[in-house]
Amino acid sequence: MKVDGRVERGEQTRRQILRRAADIASVEGLEGLSIGRLATELEVSKSGVFAHFGSKEELQLATVRAAAAIFVARVVDPAMAAPAGLERLALLLDGWLAYSEERTFPGGCFFYAVQAEFDARPGRVRDQLVELDARWHALVRDTAADVPGVGDPGQLAFELVAFLELANAQSVLHGDQRAYDRARAAVRGRLADFRR
């Protein structure tokens, strides 16, 4: 079956727009996105960008979905390839720290950056962010539940995610790259009880 070249070019342009949009949003927030800016930066027409999304809100929603897909490929998928238990949990947490530290998005964790922008603003973008955040926390909790000896996987997940997010915040706000080493040490210390 032959693929229409125009359709493939359109999809490639859409992917380029969304990747650039996610990079911008990780630094400036989702409100920092504009169809005009993306068109200029990517050297495509405004009408071409608008045709892909139709509105700023649709652009924001599509950007969140694109960032989520990148996050899953970078953090979740590699960890899920490991056997359930402590190894999977450690890989999941280390993958998150590498995702932030290596600046998969220039502003650190995309979701940490945009959640603060929408946490008290009702609407479709906030709803999507809430859903994705709940899924991440549930994944960490459920992965922790597979570790023998974990009494309260919800509490453990809360603590572990706090270590990750503080490392991201300290590195972005203060330029403190040592925060990742501290977070790794905190994670290792917290998981050490379950290695016995």
Protein backbone atom coordinates (compact mmCIF):
# COMPACT_ATOMS: atom_id res chain seq x y z
CA MET A 1 0.00 0.00 0.00
CA LYS A 2 1.46 3.35 -1.05
CA VAL A 3 1.50 6.12 1.52
CA ASP A 4 0.52 9.58 0.32
CA GLY A 5 3.65 11.75 0.55
CA ARG A 6 1.60 14.80 1.52
CA VAL A 7 0.08 12.97 4.47
CA GLU A 8 3.50 11.80 5.66
CA ARG A 9 4.96 15.32 5.28
CA GLY A 10 1.98 16.70 7.20
CA GLU A 11 2.55 14.24 10.04
CA GLN A 12 6.26 15.02 10.09
CA THR A 13 5.49 18.75 10.30
CA ARG A 14 3.01 18.10 13.11
CA ARG A 15 5.63 16.11 15.05
CA GLN A 16 8.18 18.92 14.57
CA ILE A 17 5.67 21.53 15.75
CA LEU A 18 4.77 19.52 18.84
CA ARG A 19 8.37 18.76 19.74
CA ARG A 20 9.26 22.47 19.55
CA ALA A 21 6.09 23.37 21.45
CA ALA A 22 6.98 20.96 24.26
CA ASP A 23 10.49 22.41 24.48
CA ILE A 24 9.11 25.96 24.71
CA ALA A 25 6.43 24.99 27.24
CA SER A 26 8.99 23.32 29.51
CA VAL A 27 10.67 26.71 29.90
CA GLU A 28 7.91 29.29 29.37
CA GLY A 29 4.75 27.32 30.11
CA LEU A 30 1.89 26.34 27.85
CA GLU A 31 0.69 29.94 27.75
CA GLY A 32 4.02 30.79 26.10
CA LEU A 33 2.94 28.89 23.02
CA SER A 34 1.59 30.72 20.02
CA ILE A 35 0.84 29.60 16.51
CA GLY A 36 2.72 32.61 15.12
CA ARG A 37 5.85 31.91 17.13
CA LEU A 38 5.92 28.24 16.16
CA ALA A 39 5.38 29.11 12.51
CA THR A 40 8.27 31.58 12.59
CA GLU A 41 10.68 29.31 14.46
CA LEU A 42 9.94 26.30 12.26
CA GLU A 43 9.69 28.35 9.05
CA VAL A 44 6.21 27.17 8.15
CA SER A 45 3.09 29.18 7.47
CA LYS A 46 0.79 30.30 10.27
CA SER A 47 -2.12 28.80 8.39
CA GLY A 48 -0.21 25.52 8.19
CA VAL A 49 0.28 25.43 11.97
CA PHE A 50 -3.31 26.52 12.58
CA ALA A 51 -4.59 23.77 10.26
CA HIS A 52 -2.99 21.16 12.51
CA PHE A 53 -4.59 22.42 15.73
CA GLY A 54 -7.32 24.99 15.13
CA SER A 55 -6.95 26.78 18.47
CA LYS A 56 -4.43 27.56 21.16
CA GLU A 57 -6.14 25.16 23.57
CA GLU A 58 -5.95 22.32 21.04
CA LEU A 59 -2.26 23.14 20.54
CA GLN A 60 -1.74 23.00 24.31
CA LEU A 61 -3.57 19.67 24.62
CA ALA A 62 -1.64 18.17 21.72
CA THR A 63 1.62 19.42 23.26
CA VAL A 64 0.81 17.72 26.57
CA ARG A 65 0.02 14.46 24.74
CA ALA A 66 3.26 14.69 22.75
CA ALA A 67 5.28 15.34 25.92
CA ALA A 68 3.58 12.36 27.57
CA ALA A 69 4.55 10.10 24.67
CA ILE A 70 8.18 11.25 24.92
CA PHE A 71 8.11 10.66 28.70
CA VAL A 72 6.71 7.15 28.31
CA ALA A 73 9.32 6.23 25.69
CA ARG A 74 12.16 7.73 27.76
CA VAL A 75 11.17 6.68 31.30
CA VAL A 76 8.36 4.13 31.44
CA ASP A 77 9.02 1.71 28.58
CA PRO A 78 12.63 0.88 29.54
CA ALA A 79 11.60 0.19 33.15
CA MET A 80 8.67 -2.00 32.13
CA ALA A 81 11.08 -4.26 30.25
CA ALA A 82 12.59 -5.29 33.63
CA PRO A 83 11.01 -7.95 35.84
CA ALA A 84 8.44 -6.70 38.33
CA GLY A 85 9.84 -5.81 41.73
CA LEU A 86 12.72 -3.78 43.05
CA GLU A 87 14.70 -3.74 39.79
CA ARG A 88 11.77 -2.29 37.86
CA LEU A 89 11.11 0.33 40.53
CA ALA A 90 14.78 1.37 40.63
CA LEU A 91 14.90 1.62 36.82
CA LEU A 92 11.71 3.70 36.76
CA LEU A 93 13.09 6.19 39.28
CA ASP A 94 16.54 6.33 37.71
CA GLY A 95 14.94 6.80 34.30
CA TRP A 96 12.99 9.79 35.62
CA LEU A 97 16.11 11.35 37.10
CA ALA A 98 18.02 10.87 33.82
CA TYR A 99 15.06 12.32 31.86
CA SER A 100 15.21 15.49 33.95
CA GLU A 101 18.98 15.72 34.40
CA GLU A 102 19.79 15.16 30.72
CA ARG A 103 17.21 17.78 29.79
CA THR A 104 14.97 15.71 27.58
CA PHE A 105 13.10 19.02 27.69
CA PRO A 106 15.22 22.17 28.17
CA GLY A 107 13.23 23.26 31.23
CA GLY A 108 13.70 19.97 33.08
CA CYS A 109 10.58 17.91 33.68
CA PHE A 110 7.89 19.14 31.27
CA PHE A 111 5.07 18.18 33.64
CA TYR A 112 6.61 19.80 36.70
CA ALA A 113 6.91 23.02 34.68
CA VAL A 114 3.37 23.15 33.34
CA GLN A 115 1.45 21.76 36.33
CA ALA A 116 2.15 24.86 38.40
CA GLU A 117 0.75 26.96 35.58
CA PHE A 118 -2.57 25.09 35.49
CA ASP A 119 -2.96 23.61 38.98
CA ALA A 120 -5.69 26.07 40.02
CA ARG A 121 -7.15 26.79 36.57
CA PRO A 122 -10.13 24.62 35.65
CA GLY A 123 -10.44 23.41 32.10
CA ARG A 124 -9.47 20.73 29.64
CA VAL A 125 -5.71 21.31 29.86
CA ARG A 126 -5.75 21.03 33.66
CA ASP A 127 -7.92 17.91 33.43
CA GLN A 128 -5.41 16.28 31.10
CA LEU A 129 -2.50 17.21 33.37
CA VAL A 130 -4.35 15.86 36.42
CA GLU A 131 -5.01 12.57 34.63
CA LEU A 132 -1.39 12.15 33.54
CA ASP A 133 -0.08 13.03 37.01
CA ALA A 134 -2.45 10.52 38.60
CA ARG A 135 -1.30 7.85 36.15
CA TRP A 136 2.37 8.53 36.98
CA HIS A 137 1.77 8.35 40.73
CA ALA A 138 -0.29 5.18 40.29
CA LEU A 139 2.48 3.62 38.22
CA VAL A 140 5.09 4.35 40.89
CA ARG A 141 2.72 3.09 43.62
CA ASP A 142 1.79 -0.08 41.72
CA THR A 143 5.43 -0.76 40.86
CA ALA A 144 6.35 -0.30 44.54
CA ALA A 145 3.54 -2.69 45.51
CA ASP A 146 5.36 -5.45 43.61
CA VAL A 147 8.43 -5.08 45.85
CA PRO A 148 8.43 -7.66 48.66
CA GLY A 149 8.29 -6.08 52.10
CA VAL A 150 6.74 -2.76 51.11
CA GLY A 151 4.08 -2.10 53.72
CA ASP A 152 2.41 1.01 52.28
CA PRO A 153 3.19 1.43 48.58
CA GLY A 154 1.29 4.72 48.46
CA GLN A 155 3.49 6.27 51.14
CA LEU A 156 6.67 4.95 49.52
CA ALA A 157 5.59 6.30 46.11
CA PHE A 158 4.84 9.70 47.65
CA GLU A 159 8.31 9.90 49.17
CA LEU A 160 10.11 8.70 46.06
CA VAL A 161 8.30 11.11 43.74
CA ALA A 162 9.09 13.93 46.18
CA PHE A 163 12.82 13.13 45.87
CA LEU A 164 12.58 13.27 42.07
CA GLU A 165 10.63 16.49 41.90
CA LEU A 166 12.86 18.28 44.40
CA ALA A 167 15.94 17.34 42.36
CA ASN A 168 14.29 18.78 39.25
CA ALA A 169 13.23 21.97 41.06
CA GLN A 170 16.67 22.54 42.62
CA SER A 171 18.48 21.99 39.33
CA VAL A 172 16.18 24.26 37.33
CA LEU A 173 15.77 27.05 39.88
CA HIS A 174 19.24 27.05 41.41
CA GLY A 175 21.32 25.39 38.70
CA ASP A 176 22.26 22.75 41.28
CA GLN A 177 23.19 19.63 39.33
CA ARG A 178 24.26 17.94 42.58
CA ALA A 179 20.56 17.71 43.42
CA TYR A 180 20.33 14.64 41.17
CA ASP A 181 23.10 12.90 43.12
CA ARG A 182 21.29 13.74 46.34
CA ALA A 183 18.03 12.38 44.96
CA ARG A 184 19.74 9.19 43.81
CA ALA A 185 21.24 8.77 47.27
CA ALA A 186 17.83 9.36 48.87
CA VAL A 187 16.19 6.80 46.55
CA ARG A 188 18.95 4.24 47.22
CA GLY A 189 18.61 4.83 50.95
CA ARG A 190 14.84 4.42 50.85
CA LEU A 191 15.05 1.25 48.73
CA ALA A 192 17.91 -0.27 50.74
CA ASP A 193 15.47 -1.73 53.28
CA PHE A 194 13.94 -3.87 50.52
CA ARG A 195 17.22 -5.22 49.14
CA ARG A 196 17.74 -7.44 52.19
